[in-house]
Protein backbone atom coordinates (compact mmCIF):
# COMPACT_ATOMS: atom_id res chain seq x y z
CA MET A 1 -72.03 33.06 -36.96
CA ALA A 2 -69.29 33.15 -39.57
CA GLY A 3 -65.93 31.99 -39.40
CA PRO A 4 -63.03 33.96 -40.95
CA PRO A 5 -62.67 34.08 -44.59
CA LEU A 6 -60.35 31.56 -45.80
CA PRO A 7 -57.28 33.99 -47.10
CA ALA A 8 -57.38 35.19 -43.33
CA ALA A 9 -57.20 31.54 -42.08
CA LEU A 10 -54.27 30.94 -44.25
CA LEU A 11 -52.54 34.14 -43.29
CA LEU A 12 -52.53 33.31 -39.31
CA ILE A 13 -51.27 29.82 -39.78
CA PHE A 14 -48.11 32.01 -42.43
CA LEU A 15 -48.24 33.39 -39.11
CA LEU A 16 -47.66 31.21 -36.84
CA LEU A 17 -45.12 28.99 -38.90
CA LEU A 18 -42.71 32.01 -39.28
CA LEU A 19 -42.87 32.10 -35.65
CA LEU A 20 -41.58 28.56 -35.16
CA LEU A 21 -39.19 29.39 -37.67
CA LEU A 22 -38.00 32.46 -36.02
CA ALA A 23 -37.82 30.33 -32.18
CA ALA A 24 -36.09 27.13 -33.71
CA ALA A 25 -33.62 29.02 -35.16
CA GLY A 26 -33.19 31.02 -32.18
CA ARG A 27 -31.68 34.43 -32.48
CA PRO A 28 -28.41 35.57 -33.98
CA CYS A 29 -25.27 35.68 -33.75
CA GLY A 30 -23.34 38.38 -35.94
CA PRO A 31 -20.13 40.63 -35.55
CA ALA A 32 -20.12 42.55 -33.23
CA GLY A 33 -20.83 46.33 -34.29
CA LEU A 34 -17.72 48.54 -35.21
CA SER A 35 -17.45 52.00 -35.30
CA ARG A 36 -16.56 54.39 -37.87
CA ASP A 37 -13.16 55.08 -36.94
CA ALA A 38 -12.17 51.22 -36.15
CA VAL A 39 -9.85 49.48 -37.82
CA LEU A 40 -9.47 45.50 -37.63
CA GLY A 41 -6.50 43.52 -37.97
CA ARG A 42 -5.75 40.42 -37.69
CA LEU A 43 -3.74 38.42 -36.16
CA GLY A 44 0.01 38.07 -37.30
CA ALA A 45 -0.77 40.75 -40.79
CA ASN A 46 -0.14 43.88 -41.48
CA VAL A 47 -1.51 46.72 -41.28
CA THR A 48 -1.33 50.56 -42.60
CA LEU A 49 -3.07 53.76 -40.47
CA THR A 50 -3.69 56.97 -42.77
CA CYS A 51 -3.72 60.19 -41.42
CA TRP A 52 -5.50 62.33 -44.38
CA ASP A 53 -6.09 61.51 -47.77
CA GLU A 54 -5.45 64.90 -49.36
CA GLY A 55 -2.99 67.11 -47.28
CA PRO A 56 0.63 69.56 -48.16
CA ALA A 57 3.40 67.33 -48.24
CA ASN A 58 5.75 69.32 -46.79
CA VAL A 59 4.35 68.95 -43.11
CA THR A 60 5.65 66.54 -40.45
CA VAL A 61 3.26 64.31 -39.37
CA SER A 62 3.33 62.63 -35.58
CA TRP A 63 1.77 59.09 -34.37
CA GLN A 64 1.03 58.47 -30.97
CA VAL A 65 -0.79 55.44 -29.09
CA GLU A 66 -2.74 55.16 -25.71
CA GLU A 67 -0.99 53.29 -23.26
CA ARG A 68 -3.56 50.39 -21.68
CA GLY A 69 -5.17 52.24 -19.12
CA ALA A 70 -4.24 55.38 -20.36
CA ALA A 71 -7.57 56.84 -19.17
CA ALA A 72 -7.47 55.81 -15.74
CA VAL A 73 -4.23 57.32 -15.58
CA GLY A 74 -4.17 60.55 -16.50
CA GLY A 75 -3.73 59.75 -20.76
CA ARG A 76 0.12 58.80 -20.63
CA SER A 77 0.56 57.78 -24.94
CA ARG A 78 3.99 56.54 -26.38
CA GLN A 79 5.29 58.73 -29.38
CA LEU A 80 5.34 56.34 -32.82
CA ALA A 81 6.90 57.06 -35.98
CA GLU A 82 6.74 60.51 -37.82
CA GLY A 83 4.77 60.11 -41.20
CA ASN A 84 1.28 60.47 -43.12
CA THR A 85 0.90 56.80 -42.71
CA LEU A 86 2.45 54.37 -39.92
CA HIS A 87 2.51 50.77 -40.63
CA LEU A 88 2.40 48.16 -38.19
CA ARG A 89 3.48 44.28 -38.66
CA ARG A 90 3.08 41.48 -37.92
CA LEU A 91 0.03 42.30 -35.40
CA ARG A 92 -0.23 41.05 -31.48
CA TYR A 93 -2.87 41.71 -29.39
CA GLU A 94 -1.05 44.24 -27.83
CA ASP A 95 -1.36 46.96 -30.47
CA SER A 96 -4.73 47.34 -30.02
CA GLY A 97 -5.68 50.49 -28.92
CA ARG A 98 -6.29 54.02 -30.30
CA TYR A 99 -3.70 55.62 -31.92
CA SER A 100 -3.88 59.45 -33.03
CA CYS A 101 -2.33 61.22 -35.36
CA SER A 102 -1.15 65.31 -35.37
CA VAL A 103 0.47 68.28 -37.41
CA GLY A 104 2.82 70.93 -34.54
CA GLY A 105 0.77 69.97 -31.36
CA ARG A 106 -2.80 70.10 -33.73
CA PRO A 107 -4.48 66.76 -34.03
CA LEU A 108 -6.08 65.25 -37.17
CA ARG A 109 -7.22 62.01 -36.40
CA SER A 110 -7.56 59.32 -33.94
CA LEU A 111 -8.14 55.50 -34.97
CA ARG A 112 -9.23 52.30 -33.11
CA LEU A 113 -7.20 49.94 -33.75
CA LEU A 114 -8.58 45.93 -32.42
CA VAL A 115 -6.56 43.33 -33.10
CA GLU A 116 -8.97 39.96 -33.12
CA GLU A 117 -9.52 35.94 -34.50
CA PRO A 118 -13.09 34.86 -35.30
CA PRO A 119 -14.47 33.17 -32.59
CA GLU A 120 -14.07 29.55 -32.20
CA THR A 121 -17.43 27.67 -32.96
CA PRO A 122 -18.85 26.75 -29.39
CA ARG A 123 -19.46 23.25 -28.93
CA VAL A 124 -21.95 23.55 -25.34
CA SER A 125 -22.15 21.21 -22.70
CA CYS A 126 -24.32 21.51 -19.89
CA TYR A 127 -24.10 19.89 -16.46
CA ARG A 128 -25.70 20.44 -12.27
CA ARG A 129 -23.56 19.12 -9.50
CA SER A 130 -26.61 18.50 -7.14
CA HIS A 131 -29.97 18.73 -7.53
CA ASP A 132 -30.35 22.24 -5.65
CA LYS A 133 -27.04 23.93 -7.50
CA ASP A 134 -27.68 25.88 -11.37
CA VAL A 135 -26.63 24.83 -14.44
CA LEU A 136 -23.20 25.26 -15.60
CA CYS A 137 -23.00 25.21 -19.19
CA GLU A 138 -18.90 25.12 -20.73
CA TRP A 139 -17.21 24.97 -23.45
CA PRO A 140 -13.54 24.40 -23.86
CA GLN A 141 -11.39 26.88 -26.24
CA ARG A 142 -8.25 25.42 -28.05
CA ALA A 143 -6.51 28.88 -28.11
CA LYS A 144 -6.76 31.91 -25.93
CA PRO A 145 -10.21 34.42 -27.23
CA SER A 146 -9.51 37.95 -28.84
CA PRO A 147 -10.10 40.67 -25.73
CA GLY A 148 -12.73 41.88 -27.56
CA THR A 149 -14.51 38.56 -27.81
CA ARG A 150 -17.89 38.43 -25.94
CA ALA A 151 -20.42 35.04 -24.97
CA THR A 152 -24.05 34.46 -24.79
CA LEU A 153 -26.13 32.29 -23.67
CA TRP A 154 -29.99 31.68 -24.01
CA VAL A 155 -32.03 29.00 -22.31
CA LYS A 156 -35.55 28.82 -22.86
CA ARG A 157 -38.59 26.62 -22.29
CA ARG A 158 -39.13 23.88 -25.48
CA PHE A 159 -42.31 24.61 -27.36
CA LEU A 160 -43.31 27.51 -25.71
CA ALA A 161 -43.32 31.63 -27.18
CA GLU A 162 -41.55 32.91 -24.06
CA ASN A 163 -38.78 34.95 -24.19
CA ALA A 164 -35.55 33.09 -23.59
CA THR A 165 -33.52 34.37 -20.39
CA GLU A 166 -30.28 35.68 -21.51
CA GLN A 167 -26.84 34.61 -19.49
CA ARG A 168 -23.37 36.56 -19.70
CA CYS A 169 -20.51 34.32 -20.68
CA ARG A 170 -16.79 34.35 -18.22
CA TYR A 171 -13.53 32.92 -19.40
CA PHE A 172 -10.91 31.05 -17.13
CA SER A 173 -7.47 31.36 -18.65
CA LYS A 174 -6.31 28.65 -16.84
CA ALA A 175 -9.03 25.78 -17.59
CA ARG A 176 -9.01 27.51 -21.08
CA LYS A 177 -12.98 27.55 -21.05
CA PHE A 178 -16.12 29.81 -21.00
CA VAL A 179 -18.58 28.59 -17.75
CA CYS A 180 -21.99 30.16 -18.25
CA ARG A 181 -24.49 29.81 -14.64
CA VAL A 182 -27.63 29.20 -15.71
CA LYS A 183 -29.96 30.43 -12.29
CA VAL A 184 -32.53 27.57 -11.81
CA PRO A 185 -35.87 28.65 -9.53
CA PRO A 186 -37.34 26.73 -6.83
CA GLY A 187 -39.67 24.36 -7.60
CA ALA A 188 -38.50 23.35 -11.32
CA ASP A 189 -39.67 20.51 -13.07
CA ASP A 190 -36.91 18.22 -13.58
CA THR A 191 -38.70 16.12 -16.36
CA LYS A 192 -39.59 19.76 -18.54
CA PRO A 193 -37.22 20.03 -21.39
CA LEU A 194 -35.31 23.30 -22.29
CA VAL A 195 -33.34 24.70 -25.00
CA VAL A 196 -29.38 26.19 -24.84
CA SER A 197 -28.39 28.11 -27.33
CA THR A 198 -25.30 29.66 -27.39
CA CYS A 199 -23.31 32.50 -29.51
CA VAL A 200 -19.24 34.59 -28.97
CA ASN A 201 -19.18 37.67 -31.18
CA ASN A 202 -16.43 39.79 -31.92
CA GLY A 203 -15.30 42.39 -34.06
CA ALA A 204 -14.02 39.73 -36.73
CA GLY A 205 -16.91 37.50 -36.44
CA GLY A 206 -19.67 35.83 -34.51
CA SER A 207 -20.16 31.74 -34.42
CA ALA A 208 -23.45 29.83 -32.81
CA GLY A 209 -23.31 26.54 -31.45
CA GLU A 210 -25.78 24.16 -31.58
CA ASP A 211 -28.66 24.36 -29.71
CA ARG A 212 -28.92 21.63 -26.95
CA ILE A 213 -32.24 19.68 -25.79
CA ILE A 214 -31.59 19.02 -22.06
CA THR A 215 -33.71 18.07 -18.59
CA LEU A 216 -32.72 18.76 -15.13
CA SER A 217 -32.45 15.03 -14.33
CA SER A 218 -30.66 14.60 -17.16
CA VAL A 219 -27.55 16.95 -16.44
CA LEU A 220 -26.69 15.79 -12.83
CA LYS A 221 -23.24 15.38 -12.63
CA PRO A 222 -22.02 14.94 -9.10
CA ASP A 223 -17.88 15.95 -8.04
CA PRO A 224 -16.01 13.55 -7.85
CA PRO A 225 -15.30 11.65 -4.16
CA LEU A 226 -13.21 13.04 -1.75
CA ASN A 227 -10.40 11.99 0.28
CA VAL A 228 -10.07 8.55 -1.65
CA THR A 229 -7.65 6.41 0.87
CA VAL A 230 -6.46 2.40 0.11
CA GLU A 231 -5.30 1.31 3.49
CA ALA A 232 -4.08 -2.80 3.78
CA LEU A 233 -5.23 -5.26 6.52
CA GLU A 234 -3.57 -6.95 9.15
CA LYS A 235 -2.81 -11.16 8.34
CA ALA A 236 -4.62 -10.15 4.46
CA PRO A 237 -2.33 -10.49 1.40
CA GLN A 238 -4.44 -9.95 -1.11
CA ARG A 239 -7.06 -7.77 0.14
CA LEU A 240 -7.50 -3.82 0.03
CA ARG A 241 -9.80 -1.24 2.25
CA VAL A 242 -10.94 1.39 -0.14
CA ASN A 243 -12.61 4.87 1.90
CA TRP A 244 -14.02 7.44 0.83
CA SER A 245 -16.17 10.70 1.39
CA TYR A 246 -18.86 11.89 -0.57
CA PRO A 247 -17.93 15.21 -2.08
CA SER A 248 -18.53 18.39 -0.23
CA SER A 249 -21.36 19.38 -3.20
CA TRP A 250 -23.59 16.86 -2.36
CA ASP A 251 -25.18 16.47 0.64
CA PRO A 252 -26.42 12.88 1.41
CA ARG A 253 -29.40 13.48 4.09
CA PHE A 254 -31.76 14.39 0.89
CA TYR A 255 -30.29 12.20 -2.28
CA TRP A 256 -27.74 9.40 -1.69
CA LEU A 257 -24.54 8.81 -4.89
CA ARG A 258 -24.01 5.08 -6.38
CA PHE A 259 -20.07 4.41 -7.15
CA GLN A 260 -17.78 2.57 -8.88
CA VAL A 261 -15.07 1.55 -8.06
CA ARG A 262 -11.58 1.05 -10.39
CA TYR A 263 -8.31 -0.19 -9.56
CA ARG A 264 -5.24 -2.21 -11.13
CA PRO A 265 -1.50 -3.35 -9.92
CA GLU A 266 1.22 -0.73 -10.64
CA PRO A 267 2.08 -3.07 -13.87
CA ALA A 268 -0.66 -4.18 -15.43
CA GLN A 269 -2.74 -1.42 -18.18
CA THR A 270 -5.80 -2.40 -17.49
CA PHE A 271 -8.67 -1.42 -14.56
CA THR A 272 -10.62 -4.07 -12.74
CA GLU A 273 -14.03 -2.55 -11.79
CA VAL A 274 -16.41 -2.76 -9.59
CA ASP A 275 -19.91 -1.42 -9.75
CA GLN A 276 -22.91 -0.35 -7.81
CA VAL A 277 -21.21 -0.22 -5.28
CA THR A 278 -23.55 2.24 -1.95
CA THR A 279 -20.98 2.08 0.68
CA THR A 280 -18.47 5.11 1.18
CA TRP A 281 -15.85 1.90 0.91
CA LEU A 282 -15.19 -1.61 -0.21
CA ASP A 283 -13.01 -4.01 -0.03
CA ILE A 284 -10.88 -5.51 -2.45
CA ARG A 285 -9.93 -9.38 -2.27
CA ASP A 286 -8.42 -10.26 -5.32
CA ALA A 287 -4.94 -7.60 -5.10
CA TRP A 288 -1.70 -9.17 -6.29
CA ARG A 289 0.45 -10.19 -3.45
CA GLY A 290 3.43 -6.94 -2.25
CA THR A 291 2.24 -5.33 -5.78
CA ARG A 292 0.96 -1.63 -5.66
CA HIS A 293 -2.50 -1.22 -6.31
CA VAL A 294 -3.82 2.35 -7.94
CA VAL A 295 -7.20 2.80 -7.06
CA GLN A 296 -9.83 5.52 -8.79
CA VAL A 297 -13.79 6.19 -7.38
CA ARG A 298 -16.44 8.04 -9.43
CA ALA A 299 -20.51 8.82 -8.31
CA GLN A 300 -23.48 9.35 -10.22
CA GLU A 301 -26.91 9.49 -8.35
CA GLU A 302 -28.31 6.42 -6.94
CA PHE A 303 -31.07 6.11 -9.35
CA GLY A 304 -28.93 6.44 -13.00
CA HIS A 305 -30.13 9.43 -13.33
CA GLY A 306 -27.56 12.14 -15.57
CA MET A 307 -24.03 11.89 -15.74
CA TRP A 308 -21.36 10.14 -14.05
CA SER A 309 -18.86 12.25 -12.37
CA GLU A 310 -15.38 12.21 -13.79
CA TRP A 311 -12.70 10.32 -11.63
CA SER A 312 -11.21 11.02 -8.34
CA ARG A 313 -7.52 11.89 -7.97
CA GLU A 314 -5.94 8.31 -7.25
CA ALA A 315 -4.95 6.84 -4.45
CA VAL A 316 -2.39 3.71 -4.15
CA GLY A 317 -1.92 1.05 -1.49
CA THR A 318 -0.08 -2.38 -1.10
CA PRO A 319 -0.95 -5.45 0.66
CA TRP A 320 -0.02 -6.36 4.00
CA THR A 321 3.09 -8.71 3.14
CA ASP A 322 4.32 -11.41 5.93
CA PRO A 323 7.94 -9.78 6.63
CA ARG A 324 9.09 -13.82 7.71
CA ASP A 325 7.66 -14.66 3.77
CA PHE A 326 10.62 -14.93 1.46
CA THR A 327 7.94 -14.19 -1.39
CA SER A 328 8.26 -10.35 -0.27
CA GLU A 329 11.68 -10.54 -1.48
CA MET A 330 10.33 -11.05 -5.52
CA GLY A 331 9.28 -8.07 -5.14
CA PRO A 332 6.33 -6.49 -7.25
CA PHE A 333 7.99 -7.58 -10.45
CA SER A 334 5.67 -10.46 -10.60
CA SER A 335 1.85 -11.73 -10.55
CA GLN A 336 1.21 -14.66 -8.16
CA PHE A 337 -1.00 -17.19 -8.43
CA PRO A 338 -2.03 -19.12 -5.56
CA MET A 339 -2.43 -23.19 -6.75
CA GLU A 340 -4.57 -26.49 -4.89
CA ASP A 341 -0.80 -27.29 -3.42
CA GLY A 342 0.00 -24.53 -1.41
CA THR A 343 2.47 -22.92 -4.79
CA TYR A 344 2.07 -20.14 -5.89
CA TRP A 345 2.30 -19.51 -10.10
CA VAL A 346 4.44 -17.13 -10.85
CA THR A 347 4.64 -14.84 -13.65
CA LEU A 348 7.69 -12.60 -14.75
CA PRO A 349 7.60 -9.57 -16.91
CA PRO A 350 9.49 -9.34 -19.79
CA GLU A 351 12.18 -6.77 -19.05
CA LEU A 352 13.99 -10.48 -17.17
CA PHE A 353 14.47 -12.16 -19.99
CA ARG A 354 16.09 -9.61 -22.85
CA GLU A 355 18.54 -10.37 -25.41
CA ASP A 356 21.45 -10.73 -23.29
CA ALA A 357 19.69 -12.66 -20.89
CA THR A 358 18.05 -15.45 -23.13
CA ASP A 359 17.35 -16.51 -26.56
CA GLY A 360 14.85 -13.93 -27.13
CA ALA A 361 12.12 -15.33 -25.21
CA GLY A 362 9.45 -12.19 -24.06
CA GLY A 363 9.18 -14.19 -20.68
CA ALA A 364 8.64 -17.61 -18.89
CA VAL A 365 6.40 -18.95 -16.49
CA VAL A 366 7.74 -19.90 -13.64
CA GLU A 367 6.37 -22.54 -10.30
CA ALA A 368 8.12 -21.30 -7.10
CA SER A 369 7.33 -22.35 -3.76
CA ALA A 370 5.39 -20.18 -1.08
CA ARG A 371 4.64 -22.32 0.85
CA SER A 372 4.17 -20.76 4.82
CA THR A 373 7.29 -20.22 6.84
CA VAL A 374 7.55 -23.95 9.26
CA SER A 375 7.38 -23.36 12.66
CA PRO A 376 10.59 -23.70 14.98
CA TYR A 377 9.83 -26.66 16.79
CA ALA A 378 8.80 -28.73 13.63
CA PHE A 379 12.99 -27.89 13.29
CA LEU A 380 14.00 -29.21 16.17
CA VAL A 381 11.59 -32.43 16.43
CA ALA A 382 13.13 -33.21 12.79
CA GLY A 383 16.61 -32.69 14.01
CA GLY A 384 16.34 -34.53 16.86
CA SER A 385 14.85 -37.73 15.16
CA LEU A 386 17.54 -37.15 12.40
CA LEU A 387 20.23 -37.38 15.54
CA LEU A 388 18.73 -40.42 16.62
CA GLY A 389 18.06 -42.48 13.33
CA ILE A 390 22.12 -41.85 12.80
CA ALA A 391 23.06 -42.59 16.65
CA LEU A 392 21.00 -46.32 15.81
CA PHE A 393 22.78 -47.04 12.62
CA ALA A 394 25.84 -46.28 14.53
CA GLY A 395 25.33 -49.20 16.99
CA ILE A 396 24.00 -51.51 14.71
CA MET A 397 27.16 -51.63 12.31
CA VAL A 398 29.44 -51.60 15.47
CA ARG A 399 27.27 -55.00 16.68
CA TYR A 400 27.23 -56.57 13.14
CA ARG A 401 31.79 -55.42 13.20
CA GLN A 402 32.10 -57.16 16.50
CA THR A 403 29.92 -60.57 15.27
CA TRP A 404 31.88 -60.43 12.08
CA GLN A 405 35.91 -60.34 13.52
CA THR A 406 34.37 -63.48 16.02
CA GLY A 407 32.96 -65.17 12.67
CA GLY A 408 36.32 -65.08 11.63
CA ARG A 409 38.24 -66.66 14.63
CA ARG A 410 36.20 -69.31 14.58
CA SER A 411 36.42 -70.17 11.07
CA ALA A 412 40.31 -71.05 11.59
CA LYS A 413 39.67 -74.60 13.03
CA PRO A 414 42.88 -76.96 14.05
CA GLU A 415 44.03 -79.68 12.26
CA GLY A 416 41.34 -83.02 12.89
CA GLU A 417 38.68 -80.91 13.97
CA GLY A 418 37.03 -81.23 10.76
CA GLN A 419 36.72 -85.54 11.65
CA HIS A 420 33.17 -86.50 12.95
CA VAL A 421 32.52 -89.55 15.61
CA LEU A 422 30.16 -91.68 13.84
CA VAL A 423 26.77 -91.92 16.36
CA PRO A 424 24.07 -95.18 15.60
CA LEU A 425 21.17 -92.99 14.48
CA ASN A 426 19.24 -95.75 16.53
CA GLY A 427 20.91 -96.14 19.84
CA PRO A 428 19.08 -98.20 22.43
CA SER A 429 16.79 -95.52 24.53
CA PRO A 430 16.78 -95.23 28.43
CA PRO A 431 13.76 -96.58 29.92
CA LEU A 432 11.01 -94.14 31.09
CA CYS A 433 11.30 -94.19 34.73
CA ASP A 434 15.19 -93.68 34.12
CA THR A 435 14.42 -90.03 32.46
CA PRO A 436 13.85 -87.43 34.86
CA LEU A 437 10.80 -85.38 34.37
CA LEU A 438 12.61 -82.30 35.27
CA SER A 439 16.01 -81.45 33.45
CA ALA A 440 18.19 -79.73 35.90
CA PRO A 441 18.79 -76.99 36.34
CA ALA A 442 21.23 -74.64 33.81
CA PRO A 443 24.62 -73.93 35.39
CA LEU A 444 25.43 -70.85 37.26
CA ALA A 445 27.52 -68.06 35.87
CA PRO A 446 30.44 -66.32 37.60
CA GLY A 447 28.32 -63.88 40.07
CA GLY A 448 25.90 -66.46 40.70
CA LEU A 449 23.92 -66.00 37.15
CA HIS A 450 22.08 -68.50 35.33
CA VAL A 451 23.65 -68.68 31.41
CA THR A 452 20.94 -68.89 28.87
CA ASN A 453 20.96 -68.58 24.78
CA LEU A 454 19.62 -65.16 24.79
CA ASP A 455 23.56 -64.46 27.23
CA TYR A 456 25.15 -66.61 24.64
CA PHE A 457 23.88 -64.12 21.99
CA PHE A 458 25.20 -60.92 23.45
CA SER A 459 28.53 -62.17 24.72
CA GLY A 460 29.18 -62.89 20.68
CA GLN A 461 30.30 -66.73 21.57
């Protein structure tokens, strides 16, 4: 059988390309339709309402406006100025409403005034708080949108000719952003690409955001960790223990998180970051002594899918400080670095070196002794040794003073004492037999003690 003729094949290809272009272009996003009795006014502008174009000039035209919620409270209205035309200056959002004119109580015309501004172009971002949650898409607003502004979001699978799922978006005034919830069916493939389109419109105009292509795994963004605390560890002046818990929106029984911790001492402006933390606690081992530290934690899916969460709220803590250590008196305004000899380099802040106190130096680095406090027993030993040395020195000085005085008296000799008798050097020696082998015992001192050279030394003679 012969195939379709060539013109028919070309027409089929043209229709397919047209469908692809329409799918890529997305849905049209124009201004919301206005009724024939609607009058559009810009915020801050002036507007004039006319009751009738042609009519008698000698009649009195009255204007009134329905207050907000008038339909619910029985049609209460507020009277305005009289005349065929009503001039409204510097419009506000509160001026929106239905204005009616009448002559003699007979209504002539009713107009609906809309005070609106063209909406801002949405810049949407989507995230998913865990694997079993819906996708949330949102975008911020610089200014509050007009009361009649409507936001819509469409989601469909990429490269498939299927109808998109439409979701209405809600504006949160406190957060000043639109939020849309996209339902995720159970068992959906996390790797399939989805196309997200947005449109914001009102009576003053419409604005479409740029299409976003996402996957369910790429938009994973956990909530920040909860209950972040910083504790000091006893007898560890440079350590801090940080604890936190999983966010309530993430179930750790099925999927885990990995964490990143950042901390800084309060005088510093830059953070130190610690990555690849798989537990819900961390020991900081290089904290500054006696200085308060600021700590934050954030989380990500354990295999790195998706985005990091926002940083948690700041938690503060100060390392343990020995109350006997005088270095604690230096306060949180110095950075201390241990040296090999037991001292610490201390960097003082620039605030302590102002022009009225120094010659203009912006700071200084001084070396301060930060040794541990000596035990009281060491003080007792040192004091006793010092007293013993002083006593020994005093005794030696008294002894030499007595020796000096005795030597002075002996130096004053009587007259003639300096003449010596000449004794022959080689006198006759007694025979050996006359020399006793043992010398006679030394004479006894009073009291029956022998007088020896040692006794003579201590006698001072």
